[in-house]
N, C-alpha and C. Protein backbone atom coordinates (compact mmCIF):
# COMPACT_ATOMS: atom_id res chain seq x y z
N MET A 1 -126.45 144.17 101.06
CA MET A 1 -126.74 142.78 100.71
C MET A 1 -128.23 142.52 100.91
N THR A 2 -128.83 141.77 99.99
CA THR A 2 -130.25 141.47 100.05
C THR A 2 -130.50 140.38 101.07
N SER A 3 -131.52 140.59 101.90
CA SER A 3 -131.83 139.59 102.92
C SER A 3 -132.66 138.45 102.33
N LYS A 4 -132.53 137.29 102.96
CA LYS A 4 -133.31 136.13 102.53
C LYS A 4 -134.80 136.40 102.71
N GLN A 5 -135.16 137.17 103.73
CA GLN A 5 -136.56 137.50 103.97
C GLN A 5 -137.11 138.36 102.82
N LYS A 6 -136.32 139.33 102.36
CA LYS A 6 -136.75 140.17 101.24
C LYS A 6 -136.91 139.32 99.98
N ILE A 7 -135.98 138.42 99.74
CA ILE A 7 -136.08 137.54 98.57
C ILE A 7 -137.35 136.70 98.65
N SER A 8 -137.64 136.16 99.83
CA SER A 8 -138.86 135.36 100.02
C SER A 8 -140.10 136.19 99.73
N ASN A 9 -140.13 137.41 100.24
CA ASN A 9 -141.28 138.30 100.01
C ASN A 9 -141.42 138.65 98.52
N ASP A 10 -140.30 138.97 97.88
CA ASP A 10 -140.33 139.32 96.46
C ASP A 10 -140.75 138.11 95.62
N PHE A 11 -140.28 136.93 96.00
CA PHE A 11 -140.65 135.72 95.27
C PHE A 11 -142.16 135.49 95.35
N LEU A 12 -142.73 135.63 96.54
CA LEU A 12 -144.17 135.47 96.70
C LEU A 12 -144.94 136.50 95.88
N GLU A 13 -144.41 137.71 95.82
CA GLU A 13 -145.05 138.74 95.00
C GLU A 13 -145.01 138.37 93.53
N VAL A 14 -143.90 137.81 93.05
CA VAL A 14 -143.80 137.37 91.66
C VAL A 14 -144.81 136.26 91.39
N LEU A 15 -144.94 135.30 92.30
CA LEU A 15 -145.92 134.23 92.13
C LEU A 15 -147.33 134.79 92.05
N PHE A 16 -147.62 135.74 92.93
CA PHE A 16 -148.94 136.39 92.95
C PHE A 16 -149.19 137.09 91.61
N LEU A 17 -148.20 137.83 91.13
CA LEU A 17 -148.35 138.55 89.86
C LEU A 17 -148.54 137.58 88.69
N MET A 18 -147.78 136.49 88.69
CA MET A 18 -147.94 135.49 87.63
C MET A 18 -149.35 134.93 87.65
N ARG A 19 -149.81 134.61 88.83
CA ARG A 19 -151.16 134.03 88.96
C ARG A 19 -152.23 135.00 88.48
N HIS A 20 -152.11 136.27 88.87
CA HIS A 20 -153.17 137.24 88.56
C HIS A 20 -153.02 137.95 87.23
N ARG A 21 -151.83 137.99 86.69
CA ARG A 21 -151.64 138.68 85.41
C ARG A 21 -151.61 137.73 84.23
N VAL A 22 -151.30 136.46 84.48
CA VAL A 22 -151.14 135.53 83.36
C VAL A 22 -152.10 134.34 83.49
N PHE A 23 -151.96 133.58 84.55
CA PHE A 23 -152.64 132.29 84.62
C PHE A 23 -154.14 132.37 84.89
N ARG A 24 -154.62 133.43 85.47
CA ARG A 24 -156.07 133.49 85.73
C ARG A 24 -156.85 133.64 84.43
N HIS A 25 -156.18 134.04 83.36
CA HIS A 25 -156.83 134.21 82.07
C HIS A 25 -156.84 132.92 81.25
N ILE A 26 -156.21 131.88 81.77
CA ILE A 26 -156.10 130.62 81.05
C ILE A 26 -156.80 129.54 81.88
N ALA A 27 -157.81 128.94 81.30
CA ALA A 27 -158.53 127.88 82.00
C ALA A 27 -157.83 126.55 81.78
N ILE A 28 -157.31 125.97 82.85
CA ILE A 28 -156.72 124.64 82.79
C ILE A 28 -157.62 123.74 83.64
N PRO A 29 -158.27 122.78 83.01
CA PRO A 29 -159.25 121.97 83.73
C PRO A 29 -158.65 120.87 84.62
N LEU A 30 -157.48 121.13 85.16
CA LEU A 30 -156.82 120.21 86.10
C LEU A 30 -156.16 121.03 87.19
N PRO A 31 -156.06 120.48 88.39
CA PRO A 31 -155.25 121.16 89.41
C PRO A 31 -153.81 121.28 88.92
N ILE A 32 -153.14 122.33 89.33
CA ILE A 32 -151.79 122.62 88.84
C ILE A 32 -150.81 121.48 89.11
N ASN A 33 -150.97 120.78 90.25
CA ASN A 33 -150.03 119.68 90.54
C ASN A 33 -150.22 118.51 89.58
N GLN A 34 -151.46 118.24 89.16
CA GLN A 34 -151.68 117.19 88.16
C GLN A 34 -151.15 117.64 86.79
N PHE A 35 -151.33 118.90 86.48
CA PHE A 35 -150.80 119.46 85.23
C PHE A 35 -149.28 119.32 85.20
N ALA A 36 -148.63 119.60 86.34
CA ALA A 36 -147.17 119.49 86.44
C ALA A 36 -146.71 118.06 86.20
N ILE A 37 -147.44 117.08 86.73
CA ILE A 37 -147.09 115.68 86.52
C ILE A 37 -147.14 115.34 85.03
N LEU A 38 -148.20 115.78 84.36
CA LEU A 38 -148.31 115.51 82.92
C LEU A 38 -147.18 116.20 82.15
N ALA A 39 -146.84 117.41 82.55
CA ALA A 39 -145.75 118.14 81.87
C ALA A 39 -144.43 117.40 82.03
N ILE A 40 -144.17 116.89 83.22
CA ILE A 40 -142.93 116.14 83.48
C ILE A 40 -142.92 114.84 82.68
N LEU A 41 -144.04 114.13 82.70
CA LEU A 41 -144.11 112.85 81.99
C LEU A 41 -144.05 113.02 80.48
N SER A 42 -144.47 114.17 79.99
CA SER A 42 -144.48 114.38 78.53
C SER A 42 -143.08 114.43 77.96
N ASP A 43 -142.09 114.70 78.81
CA ASP A 43 -140.69 114.74 78.36
C ASP A 43 -139.97 113.41 78.52
N GLU A 44 -140.62 112.43 79.11
CA GLU A 44 -139.99 111.14 79.41
C GLU A 44 -140.81 109.99 78.82
N LYS A 45 -140.16 108.86 78.59
CA LYS A 45 -140.90 107.66 78.15
C LYS A 45 -141.75 107.14 79.30
N SER A 46 -141.14 107.03 80.47
CA SER A 46 -141.85 106.64 81.69
C SER A 46 -140.96 107.02 82.86
N MET A 47 -141.58 107.08 84.04
CA MET A 47 -140.83 107.43 85.25
C MET A 47 -141.34 106.59 86.42
N THR A 48 -140.46 106.38 87.40
CA THR A 48 -140.88 105.72 88.62
C THR A 48 -141.51 106.76 89.55
N PHE A 49 -142.20 106.28 90.58
CA PHE A 49 -142.76 107.18 91.59
C PHE A 49 -141.67 108.08 92.16
N SER A 50 -140.54 107.46 92.49
CA SER A 50 -139.44 108.21 93.11
C SER A 50 -138.93 109.32 92.20
N GLU A 51 -138.85 109.05 90.91
CA GLU A 51 -138.37 110.06 89.98
C GLU A 51 -139.34 111.24 89.89
N ILE A 52 -140.63 110.93 89.86
CA ILE A 52 -141.64 112.00 89.81
C ILE A 52 -141.62 112.81 91.10
N VAL A 53 -141.55 112.11 92.24
CA VAL A 53 -141.50 112.77 93.54
C VAL A 53 -140.31 113.72 93.62
N HIS A 54 -139.17 113.26 93.14
CA HIS A 54 -137.96 114.08 93.17
C HIS A 54 -138.12 115.33 92.29
N LYS A 55 -138.65 115.15 91.09
CA LYS A 55 -138.82 116.28 90.17
C LYS A 55 -139.79 117.33 90.72
N LEU A 56 -140.85 116.87 91.41
CA LEU A 56 -141.86 117.79 91.92
C LEU A 56 -141.56 118.28 93.34
N SER A 57 -140.57 117.68 93.98
CA SER A 57 -140.25 118.01 95.38
C SER A 57 -141.47 117.83 96.29
N ILE A 58 -142.12 116.66 96.14
CA ILE A 58 -143.24 116.32 97.01
C ILE A 58 -142.93 114.97 97.66
N ILE A 59 -143.80 114.52 98.55
CA ILE A 59 -143.62 113.21 99.18
C ILE A 59 -144.46 112.17 98.45
N LYS A 60 -144.05 110.91 98.56
CA LYS A 60 -144.74 109.83 97.84
C LYS A 60 -146.23 109.76 98.18
N GLN A 61 -146.57 110.04 99.43
CA GLN A 61 -147.97 109.96 99.84
C GLN A 61 -148.84 110.99 99.10
N GLN A 62 -148.23 112.09 98.65
CA GLN A 62 -148.98 113.09 97.89
C GLN A 62 -149.18 112.65 96.44
N LEU A 63 -148.27 111.84 95.93
CA LEU A 63 -148.29 111.48 94.53
C LEU A 63 -149.39 110.48 94.19
N SER A 64 -149.62 109.49 95.02
CA SER A 64 -150.59 108.43 94.70
C SER A 64 -151.98 108.96 94.36
N PRO A 65 -152.58 109.84 95.20
CA PRO A 65 -153.92 110.33 94.84
C PRO A 65 -153.93 111.17 93.56
N LEU A 66 -152.84 111.87 93.30
CA LEU A 66 -152.76 112.66 92.06
C LEU A 66 -152.74 111.74 90.85
N LEU A 67 -151.94 110.66 90.95
CA LEU A 67 -151.88 109.69 89.85
C LEU A 67 -153.20 108.94 89.70
N ASP A 68 -153.87 108.67 90.82
CA ASP A 68 -155.18 108.01 90.75
C ASP A 68 -156.14 108.82 89.89
N CYS A 69 -156.18 110.13 90.11
CA CYS A 69 -157.07 111.01 89.34
C CYS A 69 -156.68 111.04 87.87
N LEU A 70 -155.39 111.16 87.62
CA LEU A 70 -154.91 111.21 86.23
C LEU A 70 -155.17 109.89 85.50
N GLU A 71 -155.00 108.78 86.23
CA GLU A 71 -155.24 107.47 85.63
C GLU A 71 -156.74 107.27 85.36
N LYS A 72 -157.58 107.71 86.29
CA LYS A 72 -159.03 107.61 86.12
C LYS A 72 -159.50 108.39 84.89
N ASP A 73 -158.86 109.53 84.63
CA ASP A 73 -159.20 110.36 83.47
C ASP A 73 -158.55 109.88 82.18
N GLY A 74 -157.73 108.84 82.27
CA GLY A 74 -157.09 108.27 81.09
C GLY A 74 -155.86 109.02 80.61
N PHE A 75 -155.26 109.85 81.49
CA PHE A 75 -154.09 110.64 81.11
C PHE A 75 -152.77 109.91 81.36
N VAL A 76 -152.74 108.97 82.30
CA VAL A 76 -151.53 108.21 82.59
C VAL A 76 -151.87 106.73 82.79
N LYS A 77 -150.85 105.90 82.68
CA LYS A 77 -150.98 104.46 82.98
C LYS A 77 -149.83 104.07 83.89
N ARG A 78 -150.12 103.18 84.83
CA ARG A 78 -149.08 102.60 85.69
C ARG A 78 -148.82 101.18 85.20
N PHE A 79 -147.56 100.77 85.31
CA PHE A 79 -147.20 99.41 84.93
C PHE A 79 -145.95 98.99 85.67
N PRO A 80 -145.74 97.67 85.85
CA PRO A 80 -144.56 97.20 86.57
C PRO A 80 -143.28 97.49 85.79
N ASP A 81 -142.23 97.81 86.50
CA ASP A 81 -140.91 98.01 85.91
C ASP A 81 -140.42 96.66 85.39
N THR A 82 -139.91 96.62 84.18
CA THR A 82 -139.47 95.35 83.60
C THR A 82 -138.23 94.79 84.28
N LYS A 83 -137.42 95.67 84.88
CA LYS A 83 -136.20 95.22 85.55
C LYS A 83 -136.43 94.87 87.01
N ASP A 84 -137.41 95.50 87.64
CA ASP A 84 -137.70 95.27 89.05
C ASP A 84 -139.21 95.34 89.24
N HIS A 85 -139.86 94.18 89.31
CA HIS A 85 -141.33 94.12 89.36
C HIS A 85 -141.92 94.71 90.65
N ARG A 86 -141.07 95.01 91.63
CA ARG A 86 -141.57 95.67 92.85
C ARG A 86 -141.82 97.15 92.61
N ARG A 87 -141.17 97.69 91.59
CA ARG A 87 -141.31 99.12 91.27
C ARG A 87 -142.40 99.33 90.23
N ILE A 88 -143.08 100.44 90.38
CA ILE A 88 -144.12 100.82 89.42
C ILE A 88 -143.63 102.01 88.61
N ARG A 89 -143.86 101.95 87.32
CA ARG A 89 -143.53 103.06 86.44
C ARG A 89 -144.82 103.72 85.98
N VAL A 90 -144.72 104.97 85.61
CA VAL A 90 -145.88 105.74 85.14
C VAL A 90 -145.54 106.30 83.77
N LYS A 91 -146.51 106.20 82.87
CA LYS A 91 -146.33 106.66 81.50
C LYS A 91 -147.53 107.51 81.11
N ILE A 92 -147.28 108.60 80.39
CA ILE A 92 -148.37 109.43 79.88
C ILE A 92 -149.00 108.70 78.70
N THR A 93 -150.32 108.78 78.60
CA THR A 93 -151.04 108.15 77.49
C THR A 93 -151.12 109.13 76.31
N ILE A 94 -151.60 108.65 75.20
CA ILE A 94 -151.80 109.53 74.04
C ILE A 94 -152.78 110.65 74.40
N LYS A 95 -153.84 110.30 75.12
CA LYS A 95 -154.82 111.31 75.55
C LYS A 95 -154.13 112.35 76.45
N GLY A 96 -153.29 111.90 77.36
CA GLY A 96 -152.57 112.82 78.24
C GLY A 96 -151.61 113.70 77.48
N ARG A 97 -150.91 113.12 76.51
CA ARG A 97 -149.96 113.88 75.70
C ARG A 97 -150.68 114.96 74.88
N ARG A 98 -151.82 114.60 74.31
CA ARG A 98 -152.60 115.59 73.54
C ARG A 98 -153.08 116.72 74.46
N PHE A 99 -153.56 116.34 75.64
CA PHE A 99 -154.05 117.33 76.60
C PHE A 99 -152.95 118.31 76.99
N ILE A 100 -151.80 117.78 77.40
CA ILE A 100 -150.73 118.66 77.88
C ILE A 100 -150.18 119.53 76.76
N THR A 101 -150.05 118.98 75.56
CA THR A 101 -149.56 119.76 74.43
C THR A 101 -150.51 120.91 74.10
N ALA A 102 -151.80 120.61 74.07
CA ALA A 102 -152.79 121.65 73.75
C ALA A 102 -152.77 122.76 74.79
N HIS A 103 -152.71 122.41 76.06
CA HIS A 103 -152.74 123.43 77.11
C HIS A 103 -151.41 124.18 77.24
N GLN A 104 -150.30 123.51 77.00
CA GLN A 104 -149.03 124.23 76.99
C GLN A 104 -149.01 125.24 75.84
N ASN A 105 -149.56 124.86 74.70
CA ASN A 105 -149.63 125.78 73.57
C ASN A 105 -150.52 126.98 73.87
N LYS A 106 -151.63 126.75 74.58
CA LYS A 106 -152.50 127.87 74.99
C LYS A 106 -151.74 128.83 75.91
N ILE A 107 -151.02 128.27 76.86
CA ILE A 107 -150.25 129.10 77.81
C ILE A 107 -149.19 129.90 77.06
N LYS A 108 -148.45 129.24 76.18
CA LYS A 108 -147.40 129.92 75.41
C LYS A 108 -147.99 131.03 74.55
N SER A 109 -149.09 130.74 73.89
CA SER A 109 -149.73 131.74 73.04
C SER A 109 -150.18 132.94 73.86
N HIS A 110 -150.78 132.67 75.01
CA HIS A 110 -151.22 133.77 75.87
C HIS A 110 -150.03 134.61 76.35
N LEU A 111 -148.96 133.94 76.74
CA LEU A 111 -147.77 134.66 77.19
C LEU A 111 -147.18 135.51 76.06
N GLU A 112 -147.13 134.95 74.87
CA GLU A 112 -146.60 135.72 73.73
C GLU A 112 -147.44 136.97 73.48
N THR A 113 -148.75 136.84 73.57
CA THR A 113 -149.64 137.99 73.41
C THR A 113 -149.40 139.01 74.52
N THR A 114 -149.26 138.52 75.74
CA THR A 114 -149.03 139.39 76.89
C THR A 114 -147.70 140.14 76.75
N LEU A 115 -146.69 139.47 76.23
CA LEU A 115 -145.37 140.10 76.08
C LEU A 115 -145.35 141.21 75.05
N SER A 116 -146.36 141.27 74.19
CA SER A 116 -146.39 142.33 73.18
C SER A 116 -146.52 143.72 73.81
N ALA A 117 -146.89 143.79 75.07
CA ALA A 117 -146.99 145.08 75.78
C ALA A 117 -145.61 145.61 76.16
N LEU A 118 -144.57 144.78 76.02
CA LEU A 118 -143.21 145.17 76.40
C LEU A 118 -142.41 145.64 75.19
N SER A 119 -141.45 146.52 75.45
CA SER A 119 -140.53 146.96 74.39
C SER A 119 -139.53 145.84 74.11
N ASP A 120 -138.80 145.96 73.02
CA ASP A 120 -137.77 144.97 72.69
C ASP A 120 -136.73 144.87 73.80
N GLU A 121 -136.36 146.01 74.35
CA GLU A 121 -135.38 146.02 75.44
C GLU A 121 -135.93 145.33 76.68
N GLU A 122 -137.19 145.57 76.99
CA GLU A 122 -137.82 144.92 78.15
C GLU A 122 -137.94 143.41 77.95
N ILE A 123 -138.22 143.01 76.71
CA ILE A 123 -138.30 141.57 76.41
C ILE A 123 -136.94 140.91 76.61
N LYS A 124 -135.87 141.55 76.17
CA LYS A 124 -134.52 141.01 76.39
C LYS A 124 -134.21 140.92 77.88
N GLU A 125 -134.58 141.96 78.63
CA GLU A 125 -134.34 141.96 80.08
C GLU A 125 -135.15 140.84 80.75
N PHE A 126 -136.38 140.68 80.32
CA PHE A 126 -137.24 139.62 80.86
C PHE A 126 -136.63 138.25 80.58
N ASP A 127 -136.17 138.06 79.35
CA ASP A 127 -135.54 136.79 78.96
C ASP A 127 -134.30 136.53 79.81
N ASN A 128 -133.46 137.53 79.98
CA ASN A 128 -132.26 137.37 80.81
C ASN A 128 -132.64 137.01 82.24
N SER A 129 -133.68 137.65 82.75
CA SER A 129 -134.12 137.36 84.12
C SER A 129 -134.62 135.92 84.23
N LEU A 130 -135.37 135.46 83.23
CA LEU A 130 -135.86 134.08 83.25
C LEU A 130 -134.71 133.09 83.19
N GLN A 131 -133.71 133.37 82.36
CA GLN A 131 -132.56 132.47 82.26
C GLN A 131 -131.82 132.40 83.60
N THR A 132 -131.72 133.54 84.27
CA THR A 132 -131.08 133.58 85.59
C THR A 132 -131.89 132.75 86.59
N LEU A 133 -133.22 132.91 86.58
CA LEU A 133 -134.07 132.13 87.49
C LEU A 133 -133.95 130.63 87.22
N ILE A 134 -133.96 130.25 85.96
CA ILE A 134 -133.83 128.83 85.61
C ILE A 134 -132.51 128.28 86.15
N HIS A 135 -131.45 129.04 85.95
CA HIS A 135 -130.14 128.62 86.45
C HIS A 135 -130.13 128.49 87.97
N LEU A 136 -130.66 129.49 88.66
CA LEU A 136 -130.63 129.48 90.13
C LEU A 136 -131.55 128.42 90.71
N PHE A 137 -132.72 128.23 90.11
CA PHE A 137 -133.61 127.18 90.61
C PHE A 137 -133.01 125.80 90.41
N GLY A 138 -132.15 125.67 89.42
CA GLY A 138 -131.43 124.42 89.22
C GLY A 138 -130.46 124.12 90.33
N LYS A 139 -130.07 125.15 91.07
CA LYS A 139 -129.07 125.00 92.12
C LYS A 139 -129.68 124.87 93.53
N ILE A 140 -130.96 125.23 93.67
CA ILE A 140 -131.57 125.20 94.99
C ILE A 140 -132.72 124.20 95.02
N SER A 141 -133.10 123.84 96.20
CA SER A 141 -134.24 122.97 96.41
C SER A 141 -135.14 123.65 97.42
N ILE A 142 -136.42 123.74 97.08
CA ILE A 142 -137.39 124.38 97.98
C ILE A 142 -137.58 123.54 99.25
N LEU A 143 -137.67 122.21 99.07
CA LEU A 143 -137.86 121.32 100.22
C LEU A 143 -136.53 120.70 100.62
N HIS A 144 -136.30 120.54 101.88
CA HIS A 144 -135.06 119.89 102.33
C HIS A 144 -135.31 118.46 102.68
């Protein structure tokens, strides 16, 4: 049986490999946590602070400064919730949507080029592994 410690070590190695084999070749002019917020918001009309915090598994105190930077750059807007004016909602702007779409396309294109080094069988195995990871990450939470 595989130990949790081995899984943790292997996971860190995968993150390291992703960073050094894929992402270091792609310039994203935002910190990764701000990029993640834009990616999440690009799939939604708007979200509350709590919804964003839950999706990113961070605390609310971490979110405010990230949103401040994104709002200053014109990538997001905050506005009162129409049903509960005590709550604030966040929406991606057109500028933010264009930014995230362009950079996601760069990442996808780079990954597709990188995958050309693999055989058809390896690509199928890689795809199966990714589907398994997506499924398993849907079942676990990094933060308690």
